[in-house]
Amino acid sequence: MPPGEWDDSHLAAAALAAAGKLTVPTAATYPLTEAAEAHRVSEGGHVRGKLIFLP
């Protein structure tokens, strides 16, 4: 959506997240040292959820 056409839906999403009612599915977590492996997994196209990097 171009900036001139933004609406308030991002505010509603933020409110849901703040209330703990918005969740994002996590497929896996990886230490940052395994970023290459996470990238290979994501390229496979079968990831359901987000890949999270840990420090």
C-alpha atoms as a PDB file:
ATOM      1  CA  MET A   1       0.000   0.000   0.000  1.00  0.00           C
ATOM      2  CA  PRO A   2       1.563   3.328  -1.008  1.00  0.00           C
ATOM      3  CA  PRO A   3       2.193   5.753   1.887  1.00  0.00           C
ATOM      4  CA  GLY A   4      -0.604   8.053   0.784  1.00  0.00           C
ATOM      5  CA  GLU A   5      -3.113   5.190   1.064  1.00  0.00           C
ATOM      6  CA  TRP A   6      -2.196   3.893   4.533  1.00  0.00           C
ATOM      7  CA  ASP A   7      -5.027   3.282   6.914  1.00  0.00           C
ATOM      8  CA  ASP A   8      -5.193   2.519  10.632  1.00  0.00           C
ATOM      9  CA  SER A   9      -4.949  -1.272  10.295  1.00  0.00           C
ATOM     10  CA  HIS A  10      -1.368  -1.166  11.585  1.00  0.00           C
ATOM     11  CA  LEU A  11      -2.685   0.423  14.790  1.00  0.00           C
ATOM     12  CA  ALA A  12      -5.204  -2.398  15.189  1.00  0.00           C
ATOM     13  CA  ALA A  13      -2.454  -4.978  14.649  1.00  0.00           C
ATOM     14  CA  ALA A  14      -0.247  -3.236  17.216  1.00  0.00           C
ATOM     15  CA  ALA A  15      -3.102  -3.213  19.745  1.00  0.00           C
ATOM     16  CA  LEU A  16      -3.710  -6.942  19.211  1.00  0.00           C
ATOM     17  CA  ALA A  17       0.000  -7.668  19.655  1.00  0.00           C
ATOM     18  CA  ALA A  18       0.168  -5.564  22.818  1.00  0.00           C
ATOM     19  CA  ALA A  19      -2.831  -7.441  24.225  1.00  0.00           C
ATOM     20  CA  GLY A  20      -1.170 -10.783  23.493  1.00  0.00           C
ATOM     21  CA  LYS A  21      -3.869 -11.716  20.976  1.00  0.00           C
ATOM     22  CA  LEU A  22      -1.648 -11.684  17.904  1.00  0.00           C
ATOM     23  CA  THR A  23       0.832 -14.476  17.510  1.00  0.00           C
ATOM     24  CA  VAL A  24       3.309 -15.336  14.796  1.00  0.00           C
ATOM     25  CA  PRO A  25       4.038 -19.016  14.200  1.00  0.00           C
ATOM     26  CA  THR A  26       7.677 -19.938  14.719  1.00  0.00           C
ATOM     27  CA  ALA A  27       9.085 -22.743  12.581  1.00  0.00           C
ATOM     28  CA  ALA A  28      12.531 -22.893  14.199  1.00  0.00           C
ATOM     29  CA  THR A  29      15.155 -20.932  16.077  1.00  0.00           C
ATOM     30  CA  TYR A  30      18.804 -20.766  15.066  1.00  0.00           C
ATOM     31  CA  PRO A  31      21.874 -19.275  16.668  1.00  0.00           C
ATOM     32  CA  LEU A  32      23.260 -16.532  14.482  1.00  0.00           C
ATOM     33  CA  THR A  33      26.271 -18.743  13.790  1.00  0.00           C
ATOM     34  CA  GLU A  34      23.923 -21.114  11.901  1.00  0.00           C
ATOM     35  CA  ALA A  35      22.459 -18.446   9.608  1.00  0.00           C
ATOM     36  CA  ALA A  36      23.651 -20.312   6.502  1.00  0.00           C
ATOM     37  CA  GLU A  37      21.726 -23.435   7.552  1.00  0.00           C
ATOM     38  CA  ALA A  38      18.599 -21.381   8.253  1.00  0.00           C
ATOM     39  CA  HIS A  39      18.914 -19.840   4.804  1.00  0.00           C
ATOM     40  CA  ARG A  40      19.150 -23.303   3.214  1.00  0.00           C
ATOM     41  CA  VAL A  41      16.039 -24.375   5.107  1.00  0.00           C
ATOM     42  CA  SER A  42      14.117 -21.293   3.969  1.00  0.00           C
ATOM     43  CA  GLU A  43      15.115 -21.853   0.347  1.00  0.00           C
ATOM     44  CA  GLY A  44      13.489 -25.284   0.479  1.00  0.00           C
ATOM     45  CA  GLY A  45      10.100 -23.561   0.390  1.00  0.00           C
ATOM     46  CA  HIS A  46       8.441 -25.757   3.004  1.00  0.00           C
ATOM     47  CA  VAL A  47       8.880 -23.589   6.093  1.00  0.00           C
ATOM     48  CA  ARG A  48       5.640 -22.927   7.935  1.00  0.00           C
ATOM     49  CA  GLY A  49       6.311 -20.017  10.250  1.00  0.00           C
ATOM     50  CA  LYS A  50       9.188 -17.691  10.917  1.00  0.00           C
ATOM     51  CA  LEU A  51      12.808 -18.641  11.342  1.00  0.00           C
ATOM     52  CA  ILE A  52      14.157 -16.830  14.394  1.00  0.00           C
ATOM     53  CA  PHE A  53      17.820 -15.954  14.914  1.00  0.00           C
ATOM     54  CA  LEU A  54      19.200 -15.905  18.433  1.00  0.00           C
ATOM     55  CA  PRO A  55      22.280 -13.884  19.440  1.00  0.00           C
END
